[in-house]
C-alpha cells in the first residue's frame, strides 16, 4: 500500500471563507437565494444552476439526479424533463421532492424541500422553443430512462433531424416543466471545526420562520 495515498476517512476540509447569521440574511428566502446564486455566478463556479433533484417512488425508494434550474417564477423553482422518465413517474405518484445546490468554491449549499406541480403546456413550450435546435430534436429522440443502444439512439436522432430540418419542432407530448414550491429552505455555510452555519426558512401559515439549526 502506498503510504502517501490518502484513505477516504482522512480526507477533510476546514471551511473558513465566510459566515452566516440570522441578522444578516434576508427576511424572504427567495431574496436570500437570489443573493447566493448571483454570487455563485459571479464567482464563476462550475455549473452554478446545477441542482440534485431527489424523488421517491410509490414504494418509498428514493432516487437522485442532477438537473438544471431554469427560473424562479411565483415562488416556484423550475426545471424541465421528460414526463415519462423515472423522475416524472415518481412525481406523478408523489409530487413531494427536494433540491440541493452545492457550490464548493464558496463553501455553501442550499437545501430546498416542497411540492412540485407541472407547468402548463404553454409555459413548457415557451422554454422549449428557446432551446437550441439540436436540444429540441434530442428531446424527441430520447425516450428518457428506457433501455436502448447508442446506435438506436443516434439513428433516431438522424431521422428526426431530417424530419425537423426546417427548424419547426413542436413540443413533444411527454416533455415539459415542473415548478417546485418550497415550504422549507436551508442555507449552509461551511465554518471551521465543523461548526457550520445553518439558517433555515420554514413556512408556517404563509409566513417564513427563520431558525438556526445545529451543525
N, C-alpha and C. Protein backbone atom coordinates (compact mmCIF):
# COMPACT_ATOMS: atom_id res chain seq x y z
N UNK A 1 0.84 -1.19 0.00
CA UNK A 1 0.00 0.00 0.00
C UNK A 1 0.88 1.25 0.00
N UNK A 2 0.54 2.22 -0.83
CA UNK A 2 1.30 3.46 -0.92
C UNK A 2 1.06 4.29 0.33
N UNK A 3 2.10 4.56 1.15
CA UNK A 3 1.90 5.31 2.40
C UNK A 3 1.49 6.76 2.18
N UNK A 4 1.72 7.27 0.93
CA UNK A 4 1.36 8.65 0.64
C UNK A 4 -0.09 8.79 0.17
N UNK A 5 -0.70 7.66 -0.12
CA UNK A 5 -2.07 7.69 -0.62
C UNK A 5 -3.05 7.90 0.53
N UNK A 6 -3.90 8.93 0.43
CA UNK A 6 -4.86 9.20 1.48
C UNK A 6 -5.98 8.16 1.47
N UNK A 7 -6.37 7.74 2.66
CA UNK A 7 -7.55 6.90 2.77
C UNK A 7 -8.77 7.81 2.84
N UNK A 8 -9.93 7.29 2.52
CA UNK A 8 -11.13 8.11 2.45
C UNK A 8 -11.43 8.81 3.76
N UNK A 9 -11.24 8.12 4.88
CA UNK A 9 -11.61 8.72 6.15
C UNK A 9 -10.67 9.85 6.56
N UNK A 10 -9.53 9.95 5.87
CA UNK A 10 -8.57 11.00 6.22
C UNK A 10 -8.76 12.27 5.40
N UNK A 11 -9.63 12.22 4.39
CA UNK A 11 -9.84 13.39 3.54
C UNK A 11 -10.81 14.34 4.23
N UNK A 12 -10.38 15.56 4.47
CA UNK A 12 -11.25 16.54 5.11
C UNK A 12 -10.82 17.95 4.74
N UNK A 13 -11.78 18.87 4.80
CA UNK A 13 -11.53 20.28 4.51
C UNK A 13 -12.04 21.12 5.67
N UNK A 14 -11.27 22.08 6.08
CA UNK A 14 -11.71 23.01 7.13
C UNK A 14 -12.18 24.29 6.45
N UNK A 15 -13.47 24.56 6.53
CA UNK A 15 -14.04 25.70 5.81
C UNK A 15 -13.86 27.00 6.59
N UNK A 16 -13.54 28.07 5.87
CA UNK A 16 -13.28 29.33 6.59
C UNK A 16 -13.53 30.57 5.74
N UNK A 17 -14.23 30.45 4.63
CA UNK A 17 -14.38 31.59 3.72
C UNK A 17 -15.32 32.67 4.26
N UNK A 18 -16.43 32.27 4.91
CA UNK A 18 -17.46 33.25 5.27
C UNK A 18 -18.26 32.73 6.45
N UNK A 19 -19.21 33.56 6.88
CA UNK A 19 -20.12 33.16 7.95
C UNK A 19 -21.53 33.58 7.58
N UNK A 20 -22.51 33.02 8.28
CA UNK A 20 -23.91 33.31 8.01
C UNK A 20 -24.64 33.45 9.34
N UNK A 21 -25.33 34.59 9.52
CA UNK A 21 -26.01 34.85 10.79
C UNK A 21 -27.46 35.24 10.53
N UNK A 22 -28.29 35.00 11.52
CA UNK A 22 -29.70 35.34 11.39
C UNK A 22 -29.90 36.82 11.07
N UNK A 23 -29.06 37.68 11.65
CA UNK A 23 -29.20 39.12 11.45
C UNK A 23 -28.81 39.56 10.04
N UNK A 24 -28.07 38.74 9.34
CA UNK A 24 -27.56 39.17 8.03
C UNK A 24 -28.36 38.62 6.86
N UNK A 25 -29.23 37.64 7.09
CA UNK A 25 -29.97 37.05 5.97
C UNK A 25 -31.22 37.88 5.67
N UNK A 26 -31.71 37.75 4.44
CA UNK A 26 -32.93 38.44 4.04
C UNK A 26 -34.14 37.80 4.73
N UNK A 27 -35.19 38.58 4.92
CA UNK A 27 -36.41 38.04 5.53
C UNK A 27 -37.14 37.10 4.58
N UNK A 28 -36.90 37.26 3.29
CA UNK A 28 -37.52 36.42 2.26
C UNK A 28 -36.48 35.43 1.75
N UNK A 29 -36.77 34.12 1.82
CA UNK A 29 -35.76 33.15 1.39
C UNK A 29 -35.41 33.24 -0.09
N UNK A 30 -36.35 33.72 -0.93
CA UNK A 30 -36.05 33.82 -2.34
C UNK A 30 -35.09 34.98 -2.62
N UNK A 31 -35.17 36.03 -1.81
CA UNK A 31 -34.19 37.11 -1.91
C UNK A 31 -32.81 36.60 -1.50
N UNK A 32 -32.77 35.83 -0.42
CA UNK A 32 -31.50 35.26 0.04
C UNK A 32 -30.93 34.31 -1.00
N UNK A 33 -31.79 33.48 -1.58
CA UNK A 33 -31.32 32.56 -2.62
C UNK A 33 -30.80 33.34 -3.82
N UNK A 34 -31.50 34.41 -4.19
CA UNK A 34 -31.04 35.22 -5.31
C UNK A 34 -29.66 35.80 -5.06
N UNK A 35 -29.40 36.24 -3.83
CA UNK A 35 -28.07 36.75 -3.50
C UNK A 35 -27.01 35.68 -3.70
N UNK A 36 -27.30 34.49 -3.18
CA UNK A 36 -26.29 33.43 -3.22
C UNK A 36 -26.05 32.92 -4.64
N UNK A 37 -27.10 32.76 -5.43
CA UNK A 37 -26.87 32.24 -6.78
C UNK A 37 -26.18 33.31 -7.63
N UNK A 38 -26.50 34.58 -7.39
CA UNK A 38 -25.79 35.65 -8.10
C UNK A 38 -24.30 35.62 -7.75
N UNK A 39 -23.98 35.38 -6.48
CA UNK A 39 -22.59 35.31 -6.06
C UNK A 39 -21.90 34.09 -6.65
N UNK A 40 -22.64 32.98 -6.78
CA UNK A 40 -22.06 31.77 -7.38
C UNK A 40 -21.75 32.01 -8.86
N UNK A 41 -22.66 32.70 -9.55
CA UNK A 41 -22.42 33.01 -10.96
C UNK A 41 -21.25 33.97 -11.11
N UNK A 42 -21.21 35.00 -10.25
CA UNK A 42 -20.12 35.98 -10.31
C UNK A 42 -18.77 35.34 -10.02
N UNK A 43 -18.77 34.32 -9.14
CA UNK A 43 -17.53 33.62 -8.79
C UNK A 43 -17.13 32.59 -9.84
N UNK A 44 -17.96 32.44 -10.87
CA UNK A 44 -17.71 31.51 -11.96
C UNK A 44 -17.52 30.08 -11.47
N UNK A 45 -18.37 29.68 -10.52
CA UNK A 45 -18.32 28.30 -10.07
C UNK A 45 -18.80 27.41 -11.21
N UNK A 46 -18.40 26.16 -11.17
CA UNK A 46 -18.82 25.22 -12.21
C UNK A 46 -20.31 24.93 -12.07
N UNK A 47 -21.06 25.11 -13.14
CA UNK A 47 -22.49 24.80 -13.18
C UNK A 47 -23.25 25.38 -11.98
N UNK A 48 -23.33 26.69 -11.86
CA UNK A 48 -23.99 27.28 -10.69
C UNK A 48 -25.47 26.96 -10.57
N UNK A 49 -26.12 26.62 -11.68
CA UNK A 49 -27.56 26.31 -11.63
C UNK A 49 -27.84 24.82 -11.50
N UNK A 50 -26.78 24.01 -11.40
CA UNK A 50 -26.99 22.56 -11.24
C UNK A 50 -27.53 22.26 -9.86
N UNK A 51 -28.51 21.36 -9.80
CA UNK A 51 -29.12 21.01 -8.51
C UNK A 51 -29.47 19.53 -8.51
N UNK A 52 -29.32 18.90 -7.37
CA UNK A 52 -29.66 17.50 -7.22
C UNK A 52 -31.15 17.41 -6.90
N UNK A 53 -31.91 16.77 -7.76
CA UNK A 53 -33.33 16.56 -7.55
C UNK A 53 -33.55 15.16 -6.99
N UNK A 54 -34.19 15.07 -5.83
CA UNK A 54 -34.49 13.78 -5.22
C UNK A 54 -35.99 13.57 -5.20
N UNK A 55 -36.38 12.38 -5.67
CA UNK A 55 -37.79 11.99 -5.70
C UNK A 55 -37.95 10.64 -5.02
N UNK A 56 -39.19 10.24 -4.79
CA UNK A 56 -39.47 8.97 -4.11
C UNK A 56 -40.54 8.23 -4.90
N UNK A 57 -40.33 6.93 -5.12
CA UNK A 57 -41.34 6.18 -5.85
C UNK A 57 -42.46 5.73 -4.93
N UNK A 58 -43.44 5.00 -5.47
CA UNK A 58 -44.61 4.63 -4.66
C UNK A 58 -44.29 3.56 -3.63
N UNK A 59 -43.07 2.99 -3.67
CA UNK A 59 -42.65 2.03 -2.66
C UNK A 59 -41.76 2.69 -1.60
N UNK A 60 -41.57 4.00 -1.70
CA UNK A 60 -40.74 4.72 -0.74
C UNK A 60 -39.26 4.67 -1.03
N UNK A 61 -38.89 4.26 -2.23
CA UNK A 61 -37.47 4.16 -2.61
C UNK A 61 -37.02 5.47 -3.25
N UNK A 62 -36.03 6.16 -2.68
CA UNK A 62 -35.59 7.45 -3.22
C UNK A 62 -34.65 7.29 -4.40
N UNK A 63 -34.59 8.34 -5.22
CA UNK A 63 -33.64 8.39 -6.33
C UNK A 63 -33.24 9.85 -6.53
N UNK A 64 -31.98 10.07 -6.89
CA UNK A 64 -31.47 11.43 -7.08
C UNK A 64 -30.75 11.53 -8.41
N UNK A 65 -30.79 12.74 -8.98
CA UNK A 65 -30.08 13.03 -10.21
C UNK A 65 -29.88 14.54 -10.31
N UNK A 66 -28.97 14.96 -11.16
CA UNK A 66 -28.69 16.40 -11.31
C UNK A 66 -29.52 16.94 -12.47
N UNK A 67 -30.22 18.04 -12.21
CA UNK A 67 -30.95 18.78 -13.24
C UNK A 67 -30.52 20.24 -13.14
N UNK A 68 -31.02 21.08 -14.05
CA UNK A 68 -30.63 22.48 -14.06
C UNK A 68 -31.81 23.38 -13.72
N UNK A 69 -31.57 24.35 -12.86
CA UNK A 69 -32.57 25.36 -12.54
C UNK A 69 -32.75 26.26 -13.75
N UNK A 70 -33.99 26.45 -14.18
CA UNK A 70 -34.26 27.26 -15.36
C UNK A 70 -35.13 28.47 -15.06
N UNK A 71 -35.27 28.82 -13.80
CA UNK A 71 -36.01 30.01 -13.46
C UNK A 71 -36.74 29.87 -12.15
N UNK A 72 -37.09 31.00 -11.55
CA UNK A 72 -37.91 31.04 -10.34
C UNK A 72 -39.06 31.99 -10.64
N UNK A 73 -40.27 31.46 -10.69
CA UNK A 73 -41.45 32.24 -11.04
C UNK A 73 -42.54 31.98 -10.02
N UNK A 74 -43.07 33.05 -9.43
CA UNK A 74 -44.16 32.93 -8.45
C UNK A 74 -43.83 31.93 -7.34
N UNK A 75 -42.60 32.00 -6.85
CA UNK A 75 -42.19 31.13 -5.74
C UNK A 75 -41.95 29.69 -6.11
N UNK A 76 -41.81 29.39 -7.40
CA UNK A 76 -41.54 28.02 -7.83
C UNK A 76 -40.23 27.91 -8.57
N UNK A 77 -39.38 26.96 -8.19
CA UNK A 77 -38.11 26.71 -8.86
C UNK A 77 -38.38 25.76 -10.02
N UNK A 78 -38.04 26.18 -11.24
CA UNK A 78 -38.44 25.46 -12.43
C UNK A 78 -37.32 24.61 -13.02
N UNK A 79 -37.70 23.43 -13.48
CA UNK A 79 -36.82 22.55 -14.25
C UNK A 79 -37.66 21.81 -15.27
N UNK A 80 -36.99 21.21 -16.25
CA UNK A 80 -37.70 20.57 -17.36
C UNK A 80 -37.18 19.16 -17.58
N UNK A 81 -38.08 18.28 -18.04
CA UNK A 81 -37.69 16.89 -18.21
C UNK A 81 -38.71 16.16 -19.06
N UNK A 82 -38.50 14.88 -19.24
CA UNK A 82 -39.47 14.00 -19.90
C UNK A 82 -40.43 13.47 -18.83
N UNK A 83 -41.72 13.71 -19.02
CA UNK A 83 -42.70 13.28 -18.02
C UNK A 83 -42.75 11.76 -17.86
N UNK A 84 -42.32 11.03 -18.90
CA UNK A 84 -42.33 9.56 -18.83
C UNK A 84 -41.05 9.00 -18.24
N UNK A 85 -40.11 9.87 -17.87
CA UNK A 85 -38.85 9.41 -17.27
C UNK A 85 -39.10 8.88 -15.86
N UNK A 86 -38.07 8.34 -15.27
CA UNK A 86 -38.22 7.81 -13.92
C UNK A 86 -38.63 8.90 -12.94
N UNK A 87 -37.99 10.07 -13.04
CA UNK A 87 -38.36 11.16 -12.14
C UNK A 87 -39.79 11.61 -12.38
N UNK A 88 -40.20 11.63 -13.66
CA UNK A 88 -41.56 12.02 -13.98
C UNK A 88 -42.59 11.05 -13.42
N UNK A 89 -42.28 9.76 -13.48
CA UNK A 89 -43.20 8.76 -12.92
C UNK A 89 -43.27 8.89 -11.41
N UNK A 90 -42.13 9.18 -10.77
CA UNK A 90 -42.14 9.38 -9.32
C UNK A 90 -43.02 10.57 -8.94
N UNK A 91 -42.83 11.68 -9.65
CA UNK A 91 -43.56 12.90 -9.30
C UNK A 91 -45.05 12.77 -9.58
N UNK A 92 -45.42 11.88 -10.49
CA UNK A 92 -46.83 11.65 -10.76
C UNK A 92 -47.54 11.04 -9.56
N UNK A 93 -46.85 10.12 -8.87
CA UNK A 93 -47.47 9.45 -7.72
C UNK A 93 -47.15 10.13 -6.40
N UNK A 94 -46.03 10.86 -6.36
CA UNK A 94 -45.66 11.58 -5.14
C UNK A 94 -45.01 12.90 -5.54
N UNK A 95 -45.76 13.99 -5.55
CA UNK A 95 -45.22 15.27 -6.02
C UNK A 95 -44.22 15.93 -5.07
N UNK A 96 -44.05 15.40 -3.87
CA UNK A 96 -43.06 15.95 -2.94
C UNK A 96 -41.66 15.63 -3.44
N UNK A 97 -40.76 16.62 -3.32
CA UNK A 97 -39.39 16.44 -3.80
C UNK A 97 -38.47 17.39 -3.07
N UNK A 98 -37.17 17.20 -3.27
CA UNK A 98 -36.18 18.11 -2.69
C UNK A 98 -35.13 18.44 -3.73
N UNK A 99 -34.50 19.60 -3.53
CA UNK A 99 -33.42 20.07 -4.39
C UNK A 99 -32.20 20.38 -3.53
N UNK A 100 -31.02 20.19 -4.08
CA UNK A 100 -29.79 20.51 -3.37
C UNK A 100 -28.82 21.20 -4.31
N UNK A 101 -28.42 22.41 -3.94
CA UNK A 101 -27.37 23.13 -4.65
C UNK A 101 -26.09 23.03 -3.81
N UNK A 102 -24.95 22.79 -4.46
CA UNK A 102 -23.68 22.73 -3.75
C UNK A 102 -22.65 23.51 -4.55
N UNK A 103 -22.12 24.55 -3.91
CA UNK A 103 -21.10 25.39 -4.52
C UNK A 103 -19.84 25.29 -3.67
N UNK A 104 -19.01 24.26 -3.90
CA UNK A 104 -17.84 24.04 -3.03
C UNK A 104 -16.85 25.19 -3.07
N UNK A 105 -16.77 25.91 -4.19
CA UNK A 105 -15.84 27.03 -4.27
C UNK A 105 -16.19 28.12 -3.24
N UNK A 106 -17.48 28.21 -2.89
CA UNK A 106 -17.93 29.20 -1.91
C UNK A 106 -18.22 28.56 -0.56
N UNK A 107 -18.00 27.25 -0.46
CA UNK A 107 -18.26 26.50 0.78
C UNK A 107 -19.71 26.67 1.22
N UNK A 108 -20.62 26.53 0.24
CA UNK A 108 -22.03 26.74 0.51
C UNK A 108 -22.88 25.63 -0.11
N UNK A 109 -24.02 25.38 0.53
CA UNK A 109 -25.05 24.56 -0.08
C UNK A 109 -26.41 25.11 0.32
N UNK A 110 -27.41 24.83 -0.51
CA UNK A 110 -28.79 25.21 -0.24
C UNK A 110 -29.66 23.98 -0.43
N UNK A 111 -30.46 23.69 0.57
CA UNK A 111 -31.41 22.58 0.52
C UNK A 111 -32.81 23.16 0.39
N UNK A 112 -33.61 22.58 -0.50
CA UNK A 112 -34.96 23.07 -0.76
C UNK A 112 -35.91 21.88 -0.73
N UNK A 113 -36.99 22.00 0.03
CA UNK A 113 -37.98 20.92 0.11
C UNK A 113 -39.36 21.50 -0.17
N UNK A 114 -40.19 20.74 -0.89
CA UNK A 114 -41.52 21.22 -1.17
C UNK A 114 -42.30 20.28 -2.06
N UNK A 115 -43.28 20.84 -2.74
CA UNK A 115 -44.18 20.08 -3.60
C UNK A 115 -44.10 20.61 -5.01
N UNK A 116 -44.08 19.71 -5.98
CA UNK A 116 -43.98 20.09 -7.38
C UNK A 116 -45.36 20.15 -8.03
N UNK A 117 -45.42 20.95 -9.09
CA UNK A 117 -46.59 20.95 -9.97
C UNK A 117 -46.10 21.03 -11.40
N UNK A 118 -46.85 20.44 -12.31
CA UNK A 118 -46.50 20.55 -13.72
C UNK A 118 -46.82 21.95 -14.23
N UNK A 119 -45.96 22.43 -15.10
CA UNK A 119 -46.24 23.68 -15.78
C UNK A 119 -47.26 23.44 -16.89
N UNK A 120 -47.92 24.50 -17.31
CA UNK A 120 -48.86 24.38 -18.41
C UNK A 120 -48.12 24.09 -19.70
N UNK A 121 -48.84 23.59 -20.70
CA UNK A 121 -48.22 23.32 -22.00
C UNK A 121 -47.65 24.60 -22.59
N UNK A 122 -48.35 25.72 -22.40
CA UNK A 122 -47.87 27.00 -22.92
C UNK A 122 -46.56 27.42 -22.25
N UNK A 123 -46.48 27.25 -20.92
CA UNK A 123 -45.25 27.60 -20.20
C UNK A 123 -44.09 26.71 -20.64
N UNK A 124 -44.38 25.42 -20.81
CA UNK A 124 -43.33 24.49 -21.25
C UNK A 124 -42.86 24.82 -22.65
N UNK A 125 -43.79 25.17 -23.54
CA UNK A 125 -43.40 25.48 -24.92
C UNK A 125 -42.59 26.76 -24.99
N UNK A 126 -42.90 27.73 -24.14
CA UNK A 126 -42.12 28.98 -24.13
C UNK A 126 -40.65 28.68 -23.89
N UNK A 127 -40.37 27.80 -22.94
CA UNK A 127 -38.97 27.45 -22.70
C UNK A 127 -38.42 26.54 -23.80
N UNK A 128 -39.21 25.54 -24.20
CA UNK A 128 -38.76 24.59 -25.21
C UNK A 128 -38.34 25.30 -26.50
N UNK A 129 -39.11 26.29 -26.91
CA UNK A 129 -38.83 26.98 -28.16
C UNK A 129 -37.57 27.85 -28.07
N UNK A 130 -37.11 28.12 -26.85
CA UNK A 130 -35.89 28.92 -26.68
C UNK A 130 -34.63 28.06 -26.74
N UNK A 131 -34.78 26.75 -26.72
CA UNK A 131 -33.61 25.86 -26.71
C UNK A 131 -32.98 25.77 -28.10
N UNK A 132 -31.69 25.43 -28.18
CA UNK A 132 -31.08 25.21 -29.49
C UNK A 132 -31.80 24.10 -30.24
N UNK A 133 -31.77 24.17 -31.57
CA UNK A 133 -32.46 23.18 -32.40
C UNK A 133 -32.03 21.76 -32.04
N UNK A 134 -30.73 21.56 -31.83
CA UNK A 134 -30.23 20.21 -31.53
C UNK A 134 -30.83 19.67 -30.23
N UNK A 135 -31.02 20.54 -29.24
CA UNK A 135 -31.60 20.11 -27.97
C UNK A 135 -33.09 19.78 -28.12
N UNK A 136 -33.78 20.55 -28.96
CA UNK A 136 -35.20 20.27 -29.19
C UNK A 136 -35.37 18.93 -29.89
N UNK A 137 -34.51 18.65 -30.86
CA UNK A 137 -34.56 17.34 -31.54
C UNK A 137 -34.21 16.24 -30.55
N UNK A 138 -33.22 16.50 -29.68
CA UNK A 138 -32.82 15.50 -28.69
C UNK A 138 -33.96 15.13 -27.76
N UNK A 139 -34.81 16.10 -27.43
CA UNK A 139 -35.96 15.81 -26.55
C UNK A 139 -36.91 14.83 -27.22
N UNK A 140 -37.05 14.91 -28.53
CA UNK A 140 -37.89 13.96 -29.27
C UNK A 140 -37.19 12.60 -29.38
N UNK A 141 -35.88 12.61 -29.55
CA UNK A 141 -35.14 11.36 -29.82
C UNK A 141 -35.03 10.46 -28.61
N UNK A 142 -35.05 11.05 -27.41
CA UNK A 142 -34.80 10.28 -26.20
C UNK A 142 -36.09 9.87 -25.49
N UNK A 143 -36.33 8.58 -25.39
CA UNK A 143 -37.39 8.06 -24.52
C UNK A 143 -36.74 7.86 -23.15
N UNK A 144 -36.56 8.94 -22.44
CA UNK A 144 -35.70 9.01 -21.27
C UNK A 144 -35.97 7.89 -20.26
N UNK A 145 -34.90 7.31 -19.78
CA UNK A 145 -34.89 6.26 -18.74
C UNK A 145 -35.22 4.87 -19.27
N UNK A 146 -35.49 4.73 -20.58
CA UNK A 146 -35.75 3.41 -21.14
C UNK A 146 -34.45 2.80 -21.64
N UNK A 147 -34.39 1.49 -21.70
CA UNK A 147 -33.20 0.79 -22.17
C UNK A 147 -33.06 0.97 -23.68
N UNK A 148 -31.84 1.27 -24.15
CA UNK A 148 -31.60 1.48 -25.58
C UNK A 148 -30.16 1.15 -25.90
N UNK A 149 -29.76 1.37 -27.13
CA UNK A 149 -28.36 1.26 -27.54
C UNK A 149 -27.94 2.60 -28.14
N UNK A 150 -26.64 2.86 -28.16
CA UNK A 150 -26.16 4.11 -28.74
C UNK A 150 -26.52 4.18 -30.23
N UNK A 151 -26.42 3.03 -30.92
CA UNK A 151 -26.72 3.00 -32.35
C UNK A 151 -28.18 3.37 -32.61
N UNK A 152 -29.10 2.81 -31.83
CA UNK A 152 -30.51 3.13 -32.00
C UNK A 152 -30.78 4.59 -31.69
N UNK A 153 -30.15 5.11 -30.65
CA UNK A 153 -30.36 6.50 -30.27
C UNK A 153 -29.88 7.44 -31.36
N UNK A 154 -28.70 7.17 -31.92
CA UNK A 154 -28.17 8.04 -32.96
C UNK A 154 -28.96 7.92 -34.26
N UNK A 155 -29.46 6.72 -34.56
CA UNK A 155 -30.29 6.56 -35.76
C UNK A 155 -31.58 7.35 -35.62
N UNK A 156 -32.20 7.28 -34.45
CA UNK A 156 -33.43 8.04 -34.23
C UNK A 156 -33.17 9.52 -34.33
N UNK A 157 -32.05 9.98 -33.79
CA UNK A 157 -31.71 11.40 -33.86
C UNK A 157 -31.53 11.85 -35.31
N UNK A 158 -30.86 11.04 -36.13
CA UNK A 158 -30.65 11.39 -37.54
C UNK A 158 -31.99 11.49 -38.27
N UNK A 159 -32.87 10.52 -38.02
CA UNK A 159 -34.18 10.52 -38.68
C UNK A 159 -34.98 11.76 -38.30
N UNK A 160 -34.93 12.12 -37.01
CA UNK A 160 -35.67 13.29 -36.56
C UNK A 160 -35.04 14.58 -37.06
N UNK A 161 -33.72 14.60 -37.22
CA UNK A 161 -33.05 15.78 -37.77
C UNK A 161 -33.53 16.04 -39.19
N UNK A 162 -33.75 14.98 -39.96
CA UNK A 162 -34.28 15.13 -41.31
C UNK A 162 -35.75 15.58 -41.27
N UNK A 163 -36.50 15.03 -40.35
CA UNK A 163 -37.92 15.37 -40.23
C UNK A 163 -38.11 16.84 -39.86
N UNK A 164 -37.25 17.33 -38.98
CA UNK A 164 -37.38 18.71 -38.49
C UNK A 164 -36.31 19.63 -39.08
N UNK A 165 -35.90 19.34 -40.30
CA UNK A 165 -34.83 20.11 -40.93
C UNK A 165 -35.18 21.59 -41.09
N UNK A 166 -36.47 21.91 -41.13
CA UNK A 166 -36.88 23.31 -41.28
C UNK A 166 -36.82 24.09 -39.98
N UNK A 167 -36.47 23.39 -38.86
CA UNK A 167 -36.36 24.06 -37.57
C UNK A 167 -37.66 24.21 -36.83
N UNK A 168 -38.75 23.75 -37.42
CA UNK A 168 -40.06 23.83 -36.77
C UNK A 168 -40.30 22.55 -35.96
N UNK A 169 -39.93 22.61 -34.68
CA UNK A 169 -40.00 21.42 -33.82
C UNK A 169 -41.10 21.64 -32.78
N UNK A 170 -42.18 20.86 -32.84
CA UNK A 170 -43.24 21.04 -31.84
C UNK A 170 -42.83 20.49 -30.48
N UNK A 171 -43.57 20.87 -29.47
CA UNK A 171 -43.31 20.36 -28.12
C UNK A 171 -43.65 18.87 -28.06
N UNK A 172 -42.70 18.02 -27.62
CA UNK A 172 -43.02 16.60 -27.50
C UNK A 172 -44.16 16.39 -26.51
N UNK A 173 -45.04 15.42 -26.75
CA UNK A 173 -46.19 15.23 -25.85
C UNK A 173 -45.82 14.80 -24.44
N UNK A 174 -44.63 14.24 -24.25
CA UNK A 174 -44.23 13.78 -22.91
C UNK A 174 -43.13 14.66 -22.31
N UNK A 175 -42.96 15.86 -22.80
CA UNK A 175 -41.87 16.71 -22.33
C UNK A 175 -42.43 18.02 -21.80
N UNK A 176 -41.87 18.48 -20.66
CA UNK A 176 -42.34 19.75 -20.13
C UNK A 176 -41.68 20.09 -18.80
N UNK A 177 -42.24 21.07 -18.14
CA UNK A 177 -41.61 21.60 -16.94
C UNK A 177 -42.36 21.30 -15.66
N UNK A 178 -41.63 21.46 -14.58
CA UNK A 178 -42.17 21.39 -13.22
C UNK A 178 -41.73 22.65 -12.48
N UNK A 179 -42.51 23.02 -11.49
CA UNK A 179 -42.12 24.05 -10.54
C UNK A 179 -42.20 23.45 -9.15
N UNK A 180 -41.10 23.54 -8.41
CA UNK A 180 -41.11 23.07 -7.02
C UNK A 180 -41.36 24.28 -6.13
N UNK A 181 -42.45 24.23 -5.37
CA UNK A 181 -42.81 25.32 -4.46
C UNK A 181 -42.38 24.92 -3.04
N UNK A 182 -41.39 25.60 -2.50
CA UNK A 182 -40.81 25.17 -1.21
C UNK A 182 -41.68 25.52 -0.01
N UNK A 183 -41.57 24.69 1.00
CA UNK A 183 -42.07 25.04 2.33
C UNK A 183 -40.92 25.05 3.34
N UNK A 184 -39.71 24.74 2.84
CA UNK A 184 -38.53 24.75 3.70
C UNK A 184 -37.29 24.96 2.83
N UNK A 185 -36.44 25.89 3.24
CA UNK A 185 -35.15 26.11 2.59
C UNK A 185 -34.10 26.24 3.67
N UNK A 186 -32.94 25.65 3.43
CA UNK A 186 -31.83 25.76 4.37
C UNK A 186 -30.58 26.25 3.66
N UNK A 187 -29.97 27.28 4.23
CA UNK A 187 -28.73 27.85 3.71
C UNK A 187 -27.58 27.42 4.62
N UNK A 188 -26.61 26.75 4.04
CA UNK A 188 -25.49 26.17 4.79
C UNK A 188 -24.19 26.85 4.37
N UNK A 189 -23.49 27.38 5.35
CA UNK A 189 -22.19 28.00 5.11
C UNK A 189 -21.14 27.25 5.91
N UNK A 190 -20.13 26.71 5.24
CA UNK A 190 -19.09 25.98 5.95
C UNK A 190 -18.31 26.89 6.88
N UNK A 191 -17.99 26.35 8.07
CA UNK A 191 -17.22 27.10 9.07
C UNK A 191 -16.13 26.20 9.64
N UNK A 192 -15.11 26.79 10.28
CA UNK A 192 -14.03 25.98 10.84
C UNK A 192 -14.52 25.01 11.92
N UNK A 193 -13.78 23.94 12.08
CA UNK A 193 -14.01 22.94 13.13
C UNK A 193 -15.39 22.30 13.05
N UNK A 194 -15.96 22.26 11.85
CA UNK A 194 -17.28 21.66 11.63
C UNK A 194 -18.39 22.39 12.38
N UNK A 195 -18.14 23.63 12.80
CA UNK A 195 -19.17 24.44 13.46
C UNK A 195 -19.89 25.28 12.39
N UNK A 196 -20.52 24.59 11.46
CA UNK A 196 -21.10 25.22 10.29
C UNK A 196 -22.31 26.08 10.66
N UNK A 197 -22.57 27.09 9.82
CA UNK A 197 -23.77 27.91 9.96
C UNK A 197 -24.88 27.29 9.12
N UNK A 198 -26.03 27.06 9.75
CA UNK A 198 -27.20 26.53 9.06
C UNK A 198 -28.40 27.40 9.42
N UNK A 199 -28.90 28.15 8.44
CA UNK A 199 -30.06 29.00 8.64
C UNK A 199 -31.22 28.43 7.84
N UNK A 200 -32.30 28.13 8.53
CA UNK A 200 -33.47 27.51 7.90
C UNK A 200 -34.63 28.50 7.81
N UNK A 201 -35.31 28.48 6.68
CA UNK A 201 -36.58 29.18 6.50
C UNK A 201 -37.68 28.11 6.45
N UNK A 202 -38.64 28.24 7.33
CA UNK A 202 -39.73 27.26 7.41
C UNK A 202 -41.06 27.99 7.24
N UNK A 203 -41.87 27.52 6.29
CA UNK A 203 -43.15 28.18 6.02
C UNK A 203 -44.18 27.75 7.05
N UNK A 204 -44.80 28.73 7.71
CA UNK A 204 -45.80 28.46 8.73
C UNK A 204 -46.96 29.43 8.53
N UNK A 205 -48.08 28.91 7.98
CA UNK A 205 -49.26 29.74 7.73
C UNK A 205 -48.91 30.99 6.92
N UNK A 206 -48.26 30.76 5.78
CA UNK A 206 -47.90 31.82 4.83
C UNK A 206 -46.84 32.79 5.35
N UNK A 207 -46.21 32.48 6.46
CA UNK A 207 -45.13 33.32 6.98
C UNK A 207 -43.85 32.47 7.08
N UNK A 208 -42.72 33.08 6.72
CA UNK A 208 -41.46 32.38 6.79
C UNK A 208 -40.82 32.59 8.17
N UNK A 209 -40.57 31.46 8.84
CA UNK A 209 -39.89 31.47 10.14
C UNK A 209 -38.42 31.21 9.91
N UNK A 210 -37.55 32.07 10.47
CA UNK A 210 -36.11 31.92 10.31
C UNK A 210 -35.53 31.30 11.57
N UNK A 211 -34.80 30.21 11.42
CA UNK A 211 -34.24 29.49 12.58
C UNK A 211 -32.81 29.06 12.29
N UNK A 212 -32.00 29.02 13.34
CA UNK A 212 -30.66 28.45 13.23
C UNK A 212 -30.73 26.98 13.63
N UNK A 213 -30.09 26.14 12.83
CA UNK A 213 -30.01 24.72 13.13
C UNK A 213 -28.60 24.36 13.62
N UNK A 214 -28.54 23.42 14.53
CA UNK A 214 -27.23 22.96 14.99
C UNK A 214 -26.52 22.25 13.84
N UNK A 215 -25.21 22.44 13.72
CA UNK A 215 -24.48 21.78 12.64
C UNK A 215 -24.35 20.29 12.85
